[in-house]
Every structure is written in structure tokens, then in C-alpha cells.
PDB file of N, CA and C in Angstrom:
ATOM      1  N   MET A   1     -24.508 187.702  95.038  1.00  0.00           N
ATOM      2  CA  MET A   1     -23.174 187.531  93.703  1.00  0.00           C
ATOM      3  C   MET A   1     -22.514 188.227  93.330  1.00  0.00           C
ATOM      4  N   ASN A   2     -22.497 189.673  93.279  1.00  0.00           N
ATOM      5  CA  ASN A   2     -22.285 190.420  92.978  1.00  0.00           C
ATOM      6  C   ASN A   2     -20.973 190.919  93.951  1.00  0.00           C
ATOM      7  N   ASN A   3     -20.779 190.383  95.112  1.00  0.00           N
ATOM      8  CA  ASN A   3     -20.532 190.601  95.971  1.00  0.00           C
ATOM      9  C   ASN A   3     -18.792 189.410  95.998  1.00  0.00           C
ATOM     10  N   LYS A   4     -19.350 188.880  95.478  1.00  0.00           N
ATOM     11  CA  LYS A   4     -18.696 187.076  95.345  1.00  0.00           C
ATOM     12  C   LYS A   4     -17.990 187.903  93.852  1.00  0.00           C
ATOM     13  N   ILE A   5     -18.566 188.091  93.273  1.00  0.00           N
ATOM     14  CA  ILE A   5     -17.590 188.863  91.422  1.00  0.00           C
ATOM     15  C   ILE A   5     -17.170 189.565  92.102  1.00  0.00           C
ATOM     16  N   ASN A   6     -17.352 190.642  92.675  1.00  0.00           N
ATOM     17  CA  ASN A   6     -16.130 191.597  93.158  1.00  0.00           C
ATOM     18  C   ASN A   6     -15.145 191.097  93.688  1.00  0.00           C
ATOM     19  N   GLU A   7     -15.230 189.809  94.778  1.00  0.00           N
ATOM     20  CA  GLU A   7     -14.293 189.774  95.333  1.00  0.00           C
ATOM     21  C   GLU A   7     -13.025 188.562  94.630  1.00  0.00           C
ATOM     22  N   SER A   8     -13.492 188.197  93.592  1.00  0.00           N
ATOM     23  CA  SER A   8     -13.062 187.524  92.339  1.00  0.00           C
ATOM     24  C   SER A   8     -12.211 188.471  91.465  1.00  0.00           C
ATOM     25  N   MET A   9     -13.168 189.256  90.938  1.00  0.00           N
ATOM     26  CA  MET A   9     -12.172 190.046  90.377  1.00  0.00           C
ATOM     27  C   MET A   9     -11.094 190.862  91.045  1.00  0.00           C
ATOM     28  N   GLN A  10     -11.240 191.363  92.566  1.00  0.00           N
ATOM     29  CA  GLN A  10     -10.487 191.957  93.101  1.00  0.00           C
ATOM     30  C   GLN A  10      -8.950 190.632  93.265  1.00  0.00           C
ATOM     31  N   ILE A  11      -9.256 189.325  93.550  1.00  0.00           N
ATOM     32  CA  ILE A  11      -8.361 188.892  93.627  1.00  0.00           C
ATOM     33  C   ILE A  11      -7.030 188.541  92.236  1.00  0.00           C
ATOM     34  N   TYR A  12      -8.104 188.580  91.151  1.00  0.00           N
ATOM     35  CA  TYR A  12      -7.340 188.261  90.123  1.00  0.00           C
ATOM     36  C   TYR A  12      -6.520 189.934  89.496  1.00  0.00           C
ATOM     37  N   ILE A  13      -7.424 190.687  89.746  1.00  0.00           N
ATOM     38  CA  ILE A  13      -6.781 192.144  90.015  1.00  0.00           C
ATOM     39  C   ILE A  13      -4.879 192.262  90.415  1.00  0.00           C
ATOM     40  N   ASP A  14      -5.181 190.950  91.699  1.00  0.00           N
ATOM     41  CA  ASP A  14      -4.409 191.396  92.640  1.00  0.00           C
ATOM     42  C   ASP A  14      -3.304 190.056  91.879  1.00  0.00           C
ATOM     43  N   ILE A  15      -3.467 189.032  91.337  1.00  0.00           N
ATOM     44  CA  ILE A  15      -2.569 188.064  90.744  1.00  0.00           C
ATOM     45  C   ILE A  15      -1.948 189.191  89.421  1.00  0.00           C
ATOM     46  N   ILE A  16      -2.689 189.468  88.552  1.00  0.00           N
ATOM     47  CA  ILE A  16      -1.856 190.846  87.674  1.00  0.00           C
ATOM     48  C   ILE A  16      -1.211 191.673  88.106  1.00  0.00           C
ATOM     49  N   LYS A  17      -1.646 192.259  88.947  1.00  0.00           N
ATOM     50  CA  LYS A  17      -0.490 193.032  89.735  1.00  0.00           C
ATOM     51  C   LYS A  17       0.917 192.780  90.168  1.00  0.00           C
ATOM     52  N   LYS A  18       0.644 191.716  90.699  1.00  0.00           N
ATOM     53  CA  LYS A  18       1.721 190.875  90.843  1.00  0.00           C
ATOM     54  C   LYS A  18       2.827 190.113  90.065  1.00  0.00           C
ATOM     55  N   TYR A  19       1.844 190.093  88.790  1.00  0.00           N
ATOM     56  CA  TYR A  19       2.222 189.750  87.566  1.00  0.00           C
ATOM     57  C   TYR A  19       2.814 190.805  87.103  1.00  0.00           C
ATOM     58  N   ILE A  20       2.655 192.191  86.935  1.00  0.00           N
ATOM     59  CA  ILE A  20       3.095 193.302  86.905  1.00  0.00           C
ATOM     60  C   ILE A  20       4.666 193.818  87.362  1.00  0.00           C
ATOM     61  N   LYS A  21       4.425 193.571  88.289  1.00  0.00           N
ATOM     62  CA  LYS A  21       5.602 194.036  89.466  1.00  0.00           C
ATOM     63  C   LYS A  21       6.593 192.770  89.262  1.00  0.00           C
ATOM     64  N   ASN A  22       6.886 191.249  89.210  1.00  0.00           N
ATOM     65  CA  ASN A  22       7.205 190.546  89.094  1.00  0.00           C
ATOM     66  C   ASN A  22       6.911 189.544  87.869  1.00  0.00           C
ATOM     67  N   PRO A  23       7.180 190.152  86.045  1.00  0.00           N
ATOM     68  CA  PRO A  23       6.967 189.039  85.598  1.00  0.00           C
ATOM     69  C   PRO A  23       7.913 187.869  85.184  1.00  0.00           C
ATOM     70  N   LYS A  24       7.217 187.264  84.575  1.00  0.00           N
ATOM     71  CA  LYS A  24       8.095 185.636  84.240  1.00  0.00           C
ATOM     72  C   LYS A  24       7.461 185.630  82.842  1.00  0.00           C
ATOM     73  N   LYS A  25       8.539 185.335  82.400  1.00  0.00           N
ATOM     74  CA  LYS A  25       8.338 185.010  80.619  1.00  0.00           C
ATOM     75  C   LYS A  25       7.073 183.623  80.524  1.00  0.00           C
ATOM     76  N   ASN A  26       6.808 183.707  78.822  1.00  0.00           N
ATOM     77  CA  ASN A  26       5.938 182.750  78.914  1.00  0.00           C
ATOM     78  C   ASN A  26       4.581 182.224  79.961  1.00  0.00           C
ATOM     79  N   ILE A  27       3.777 183.378  80.546  1.00  0.00           N
ATOM     80  CA  ILE A  27       3.140 183.070  81.304  1.00  0.00           C
ATOM     81  C   ILE A  27       1.902 183.536  80.559  1.00  0.00           C
ATOM     82  N   ASP A  28       0.850 182.908  80.541  1.00  0.00           N
ATOM     83  CA  ASP A  28      -0.397 183.648  80.155  1.00  0.00           C
ATOM     84  C   ASP A  28      -1.152 183.799  80.773  1.00  0.00           C
ATOM     85  N   LEU A  29      -1.952 185.162  81.585  1.00  0.00           N
ATOM     86  CA  LEU A  29      -2.661 185.667  82.539  1.00  0.00           C
ATOM     87  C   LEU A  29      -3.988 185.105  82.294  1.00  0.00           C
ATOM     88  N   PHE A  30      -3.965 184.795  81.283  1.00  0.00           N
ATOM     89  CA  PHE A  30      -5.942 183.892  81.416  1.00  0.00           C
ATOM     90  C   PHE A  30      -5.892 182.286  80.934  1.00  0.00           C
ATOM     91  N   ASN A  31      -4.727 182.002  80.742  1.00  0.00           N
ATOM     92  CA  ASN A  31      -4.959 180.468  80.174  1.00  0.00           C
ATOM     93  C   ASN A  31      -3.527 179.618  81.207  1.00  0.00           C
ATOM     94  N   ASN A  32      -3.985 180.327  82.870  1.00  0.00           N
ATOM     95  CA  ASN A  32      -3.177 179.951  83.703  1.00  0.00           C
ATOM     96  C   ASN A  32      -3.243 178.322  83.874  1.00  0.00           C
ATOM     97  N   GLU A  33      -2.231 177.512  85.112  1.00  0.00           N
ATOM     98  CA  GLU A  33      -2.368 176.069  85.130  1.00  0.00           C
ATOM     99  C   GLU A  33      -2.713 176.494  86.383  1.00  0.00           C
ATOM    100  N   ASP A  34      -3.055 177.542  87.191  1.00  0.00           N
ATOM    101  CA  ASP A  34      -3.375 178.146  88.737  1.00  0.00           C
ATOM    102  C   ASP A  34      -4.854 177.469  88.544  1.00  0.00           C
ATOM    103  N   ASP A  35      -5.525 176.699  89.598  1.00  0.00           N
ATOM    104  CA  ASP A  35      -6.783 176.767  89.644  1.00  0.00           C
ATOM    105  C   ASP A  35      -7.757 177.922  89.885  1.00  0.00           C
ATOM    106  N   LYS A  36      -7.467 178.371  90.837  1.00  0.00           N
ATOM    107  CA  LYS A  36      -8.043 179.481  91.253  1.00  0.00           C
ATOM    108  C   LYS A  36      -8.053 180.985  90.000  1.00  0.00           C
ATOM    109  N   CYS A  37      -6.636 180.824  89.544  1.00  0.00           N
ATOM    110  CA  CYS A  37      -6.857 181.647  88.823  1.00  0.00           C
ATOM    111  C   CYS A  37      -7.715 181.283  87.366  1.00  0.00           C
ATOM    112  N   ASN A  38      -7.847 180.275  86.898  1.00  0.00           N
ATOM    113  CA  ASN A  38      -9.352 179.936  85.517  1.00  0.00           C
ATOM    114  C   ASN A  38     -10.105 179.820  86.441  1.00  0.00           C
ATOM    115  N   LEU A  39     -10.662 179.603  87.859  1.00  0.00           N
ATOM    116  CA  LEU A  39     -11.955 179.764  88.341  1.00  0.00           C
ATOM    117  C   LEU A  39     -12.282 181.307  88.438  1.00  0.00           C
ATOM    118  N   ILE A  40     -11.666 182.096  88.762  1.00  0.00           N
ATOM    119  CA  ILE A  40     -11.681 183.628  88.377  1.00  0.00           C
ATOM    120  C   ILE A  40     -12.031 184.149  87.347  1.00  0.00           C
ATOM    121  N   ALA A  41     -11.155 183.456  86.291  1.00  0.00           N
ATOM    122  CA  ALA A  41     -11.820 184.408  84.694  1.00  0.00           C
ATOM    123  C   ALA A  41     -13.056 183.677  84.358  1.00  0.00           C
ATOM    124  N   GLU A  42     -13.285 182.060  84.934  1.00  0.00           N
ATOM    125  CA  GLU A  42     -14.118 181.639  83.943  1.00  0.00           C
ATOM    126  C   GLU A  42     -15.754 182.739  84.512  1.00  0.00           C
ATOM    127  N   LYS A  43     -15.441 182.963  86.099  1.00  0.00           N
ATOM    128  CA  LYS A  43     -16.302 183.774  87.012  1.00  0.00           C
ATOM    129  C   LYS A  43     -16.576 184.967  86.494  1.00  0.00           C
ATOM    130  N   ILE A  44     -15.219 185.376  85.830  1.00  0.00           N
ATOM    131  CA  ILE A  44     -16.022 186.824  85.155  1.00  0.00           C
ATOM    132  C   ILE A  44     -16.388 186.950  83.653  1.00  0.00           C
ATOM    133  N   ARG A  45     -16.518 186.011  83.001  1.00  0.00           N
ATOM    134  CA  ARG A  45     -16.425 186.233  81.246  1.00  0.00           C
ATOM    135  C   ARG A  45     -18.167 185.400  81.950  1.00  0.00           C
ATOM    136  N   ASP A  46     -18.451 184.422  82.573  1.00  0.00           N
ATOM    137  CA  ASP A  46     -20.167 184.248  83.317  1.00  0.00           C
ATOM    138  C   ASP A  46     -20.813 185.716  82.928  1.00  0.00           C
ATOM    139  N   TYR A  47     -20.092 186.090  83.810  1.00  0.00           N
ATOM    140  CA  TYR A  47     -20.486 187.571  84.538  1.00  0.00           C
ATOM    141  C   TYR A  47     -20.812 188.513  83.571  1.00  0.00           C
ATOM    142  N   LEU A  48     -19.723 188.993  82.869  1.00  0.00           N
ATOM    143  CA  LEU A  48     -19.974 189.335  81.303  1.00  0.00           C
ATOM    144  C   LEU A  48     -20.723 189.109  80.561  1.00  0.00           C
ATOM    145  N   MET A  49     -20.340 187.748  79.955  1.00  0.00           N
ATOM    146  CA  MET A  49     -22.066 187.436  79.617  1.00  0.00           C
ATOM    147  C   MET A  49     -23.265 187.634  79.388  1.00  0.00           C
ATOM    148  N   SER A  50     -23.826 186.885  80.592  1.00  0.00           N
ATOM    149  CA  SER A  50     -24.481 187.528  81.156  1.00  0.00           C
ATOM    150  C   SER A  50     -25.194 188.883  81.446  1.00  0.00           C
ATOM    151  N   LYS A  51     -24.791 189.720  81.483  1.00  0.00           N
ATOM    152  CA  LYS A  51     -25.291 191.188  81.261  1.00  0.00           C
ATOM    153  C   LYS A  51     -25.441 191.521  80.006  1.00  0.00           C
ATOM    154  N   LEU A  52     -23.813 190.921  79.591  1.00  0.00           N
ATOM    155  CA  LEU A  52     -24.104 191.285  77.529  1.00  0.00           C
ATOM    156  C   LEU A  52     -25.553 190.513  76.245  1.00  0.00           C
ATOM    157  N   TYR A  53     -25.694 189.536  77.043  1.00  0.00           N
ATOM    158  CA  TYR A  53     -26.726 188.005  76.758  1.00  0.00           C
ATOM    159  C   TYR A  53     -27.698 189.100  75.830  1.00  0.00           C
ATOM    160  N   ASP A  54     -28.299 189.856  76.862  1.00  0.00           N
ATOM    161  CA  ASP A  54     -29.575 190.367  75.910  1.00  0.00           C
ATOM    162  C   ASP A  54     -28.899 191.182  74.802  1.00  0.00           C
ATOM    163  N   TYR A  55     -27.767 192.045  74.783  1.00  0.00           N
ATOM    164  CA  TYR A  55     -27.533 192.799  73.716  1.00  0.00           C
ATOM    165  C   TYR A  55     -26.796 192.655  72.799  1.00  0.00           C
ATOM    166  N   ILE A  56     -26.409 191.435  73.121  1.00  0.00           N
ATOM    167  CA  ILE A  56     -25.525 190.249  71.557  1.00  0.00           C
ATOM    168  C   ILE A  56     -26.661 189.549  70.917  1.00  0.00           C
ATOM    169  N   TYR A  57     -28.076 189.145  71.828  1.00  0.00           N
ATOM    170  CA  TYR A  57     -29.013 188.326  70.788  1.00  0.00           C
ATOM    171  C   TYR A  57     -30.592 188.805  71.424  1.00  0.00           C
ATOM    172  N   PRO A  58     -30.729 189.797  71.300  1.00  0.00           N
ATOM    173  CA  PRO A  58     -32.266 190.392  71.630  1.00  0.00           C
ATOM    174  C   PRO A  58     -32.994 189.499  71.097  1.00  0.00           C
ATOM    175  N   LYS A  59     -34.139 189.634  72.080  1.00  0.00           N
ATOM    176  CA  LYS A  59     -35.432 188.882  71.835  1.00  0.00           C
ATOM    177  C   LYS A  59     -36.482 189.187  70.521  1.00  0.00           C
ATOM    178  N   GLU A  60     -35.867 190.038  70.399  1.00  0.00           N
ATOM    179  CA  GLU A  60     -36.817 190.748  69.288  1.00  0.00           C
ATOM    180  C   GLU A  60     -35.610 191.181  68.216  1.00  0.00           C
ATOM    181  N   PRO A  61     -35.919 191.551  66.882  1.00  0.00           N
ATOM    182  CA  PRO A  61     -35.058 192.182  66.282  1.00  0.00           C
ATOM    183  C   PRO A  61     -35.396 193.822  66.068  1.00  0.00           C
ATOM    184  N   LEU A  62     -34.267 194.523  66.344  1.00  0.00           N
ATOM    185  CA  LEU A  62     -34.390 196.008  66.094  1.00  0.00           C
ATOM    186  C   LEU A  62     -34.170 196.644  64.592  1.00  0.00           C
ATOM    187  N   ALA A  63     -34.401 197.971  65.121  1.00  0.00           N
ATOM    188  CA  ALA A  63     -35.111 198.677  63.866  1.00  0.00           C
ATOM    189  C   ALA A  63     -34.189 198.733  62.906  1.00  0.00           C
ATOM    190  N   ASN A  64     -33.420 198.779  63.081  1.00  0.00           N
ATOM    191  CA  ASN A  64     -31.575 198.600  62.162  1.00  0.00           C
ATOM    192  C   ASN A  64     -31.594 197.392  61.206  1.00  0.00           C
ATOM    193  N   ASP A  65     -31.918 196.358  62.383  1.00  0.00           N
ATOM    194  CA  ASP A  65     -31.894 194.687  61.473  1.00  0.00           C
ATOM    195  C   ASP A  65     -33.112 194.043  60.482  1.00  0.00           C
ATOM    196  N   LEU A  66     -34.123 195.540  60.615  1.00  0.00           N
ATOM    197  CA  LEU A  66     -35.185 195.000  60.087  1.00  0.00           C
ATOM    198  C   LEU A  66     -35.023 195.818  58.624  1.00  0.00           C
ATOM    199  N   VAL A  67     -34.320 197.210  58.665  1.00  0.00           N
ATOM    200  CA  VAL A  67     -33.585 197.851  57.551  1.00  0.00           C
ATOM    201  C   VAL A  67     -32.818 197.048  56.796  1.00  0.00           C
ATOM    202  N   PHE A  68     -31.962 196.060  57.658  1.00  0.00           N
ATOM    203  CA  PHE A  68     -30.687 195.681  56.825  1.00  0.00           C
ATOM    204  C   PHE A  68     -31.451 194.393  55.690  1.00  0.00           C
ATOM    205  N   TYR A  69     -32.585 194.016  57.098  1.00  0.00           N
ATOM    206  CA  TYR A  69     -32.698 192.630  56.258  1.00  0.00           C
ATOM    207  C   TYR A  69     -33.800 193.244  55.111  1.00  0.00           C
ATOM    208  N   GLY A  70     -34.499 194.051  55.016  1.00  0.00           N
ATOM    209  CA  GLY A  70     -34.910 194.937  53.790  1.00  0.00           C
ATOM    210  C   GLY A  70     -34.220 195.298  52.673  1.00  0.00           C
ATOM    211  N   GLN A  71     -32.574 195.369  53.027  1.00  0.00           N
ATOM    212  CA  GLN A  71     -32.259 196.475  51.935  1.00  0.00           C
ATOM    213  C   GLN A  71     -31.612 195.082  50.824  1.00  0.00           C
ATOM    214  N   THR A  72     -31.276 194.205  51.807  1.00  0.00           N
ATOM    215  CA  THR A  72     -30.645 192.797  51.426  1.00  0.00           C
ATOM    216  C   THR A  72     -31.750 192.229  50.545  1.00  0.00           C
ATOM    217  N   LYS A  73     -32.841 191.923  50.925  1.00  0.00           N
ATOM    218  CA  LYS A  73     -33.775 191.214  49.977  1.00  0.00           C
ATOM    219  C   LYS A  73     -34.005 192.118  49.312  1.00  0.00           C
ATOM    220  N   LYS A  74     -34.039 192.905  48.627  1.00  0.00           N
ATOM    221  CA  LYS A  74     -33.571 193.943  47.611  1.00  0.00           C
ATOM    222  C   LYS A  74     -32.910 193.243  46.785  1.00  0.00           C
ATOM    223  N   LEU A  75     -31.651 192.730  47.074  1.00  0.00           N
ATOM    224  CA  LEU A  75     -30.503 192.502  45.933  1.00  0.00           C
ATOM    225  C   LEU A  75     -30.186 190.594  46.108  1.00  0.00           C
ATOM    226  N   ILE A  76     -31.618 190.110  46.079  1.00  0.00           N
ATOM    227  CA  ILE A  76     -31.918 188.906  46.287  1.00  0.00           C
ATOM    228  C   ILE A  76     -31.568 188.071  45.100  1.00  0.00           C
ATOM    229  N   TRP A  77     -31.608 188.888  43.480  1.00  0.00           N
ATOM    230  CA  TRP A  77     -31.228 188.970  42.624  1.00  0.00           C
ATOM    231  C   TRP A  77     -29.813 188.689  42.304  1.00  0.00           C
ATOM    232  N   LEU A  78     -29.267 189.500  42.870  1.00  0.00           N
ATOM    233  CA  LEU A  78     -27.978 189.215  42.544  1.00  0.00           C
ATOM    234  C   LEU A  78     -27.095 187.876  43.505  1.00  0.00           C
ATOM    235  N   LYS A  79     -26.036 187.503  42.036  1.00  0.00           N
ATOM    236  CA  LYS A  79     -25.815 186.203  41.788  1.00  0.00           C
ATOM    237  C   LYS A  79     -24.546 186.571  41.928  1.00  0.00           C
ATOM    238  N   PRO A  80     -23.507 185.619  41.989  1.00  0.00           N
ATOM    239  CA  PRO A  80     -21.886 185.706  42.007  1.00  0.00           C
ATOM    240  C   PRO A  80     -21.168 186.056  40.790  1.00  0.00           C
ATOM    241  N   GLU A  81     -21.874 185.494  39.577  1.00  0.00           N
ATOM    242  CA  GLU A  81     -21.265 185.479  38.372  1.00  0.00           C
ATOM    243  C   GLU A  81     -21.676 187.158  38.173  1.00  0.00           C
ATOM    244  N   HIS A  82     -22.211 187.856  38.559  1.00  0.00           N
ATOM    245  CA  HIS A  82     -22.808 189.253  38.636  1.00  0.00           C
ATOM    246  C   HIS A  82     -21.345 189.827  39.038  1.00  0.00           C
ATOM    247  N   LEU A  83     -20.677 189.697  40.214  1.00  0.00           N
ATOM    248  CA  LEU A  83     -19.714 190.130  40.716  1.00  0.00           C
ATOM    249  C   LEU A  83     -18.223 189.376  40.118  1.00  0.00           C
ATOM    250  N   ASP A  84     -18.453 188.950  38.931  1.00  0.00           N
ATOM    251  CA  ASP A  84     -16.851 188.261  38.620  1.00  0.00           C
ATOM    252  C   ASP A  84     -16.136 187.329  39.646  1.00  0.00           C
ATOM    253  N   ILE A  85     -17.178 186.576  40.313  1.00  0.00           N
ATOM    254  CA  ILE A  85     -16.684 185.788  41.277  1.00  0.00           C
ATOM    255  C   ILE A  85     -16.277 184.012  40.808  1.00  0.00           C
ATOM    256  N   LYS A  86     -15.013 183.869  40.648  1.00  0.00           N
ATOM    257  CA  LYS A  86     -14.409 182.968  39.696  1.00  0.00           C
ATOM    258  C   LYS A  86     -15.174 181.392  40.825  1.00  0.00           C
ATOM    259  N   LYS A  87     -15.586 180.744  39.636  1.00  0.00           N
ATOM    260  CA  LYS A  87     -16.486 179.406  40.000  1.00  0.00           C
ATOM    261  C   LYS A  87     -15.760 178.770  41.544  1.00  0.00           C
ATOM    262  N   ILE A  88     -14.611 178.939  40.982  1.00  0.00           N
ATOM    263  CA  ILE A  88     -14.102 177.917  42.462  1.00  0.00           C
ATOM    264  C   ILE A  88     -14.060 178.536  43.995  1.00  0.00           C
ATOM    265  N   TYR A  89     -14.507 179.675  43.649  1.00  0.00           N
ATOM    266  CA  TYR A  89     -14.636 180.006  44.899  1.00  0.00           C
ATOM    267  C   TYR A  89     -16.033 180.019  45.708  1.00  0.00           C
ATOM    268  N   ILE A  90     -17.047 180.068  44.515  1.00  0.00           N
ATOM    269  CA  ILE A  90     -18.722 179.802  45.008  1.00  0.00           C
ATOM    270  C   ILE A  90     -18.652 178.446  45.828  1.00  0.00           C
ATOM    271  N   ASN A  91     -19.721 179.045  46.919  1.00  0.00           N
ATOM    272  CA  ASN A  91     -20.200 177.878  47.408  1.00  0.00           C
ATOM    273  C   ASN A  91     -21.665 178.059  47.375  1.00  0.00           C
ATOM    274  N   HIS A  92     -22.153 176.535  46.677  1.00  0.00           N
ATOM    275  CA  HIS A  92     -23.719 176.426  46.487  1.00  0.00           C
ATOM    276  C   HIS A  92     -23.702 175.611  47.819  1.00  0.00           C
TER     277      HIS A  92
END
């Protein structure tokens, strides 16, 4: 798997290098019509998300999460009126 990712990243880097050497106006490298480009960008995104997923969405709450929850729970009595928020801006 890592070999294919490295290969895909190298191909995409080569495409970026070509673009830098010979830029074309109004081309978005990440939203390209080229199927190969799209596939490579998708594989890179999937790989990065798979590596980051556990950090973004941990299975158990972290210590800081519990502290933040405790602090916000203390403020449950606070209402929008206490903060002088106009009624038209309040979502109920």
C-alpha cells in the first residue's frame, strides 16, 4: 500500500513540477480534468485522513475534553439575554 502511495505522490509531485516550470493560467491542480490527477489527489487525501482519523476523532475523550466539558457545564445557567444578544439573533 505504502509503495502505491509513494508512487502516486511522486507522480503528483512531477505534475506540480511541470506546472511550476510551465504554468498555465486558470488551472487548479487539485480540481483537474485529468483522471490520473484526480485519482492521485484522492489517494493522497484518503491516506492522510486514514492516518489523522484517530487524532481527529479519538475513541475516548481526552483529558482536555473532559476539562472543557466541566467548564462549559458550569455555565449552563448562562442565557443569551445575559450577553445582551438581540432576540433576532437567537436560535432556539
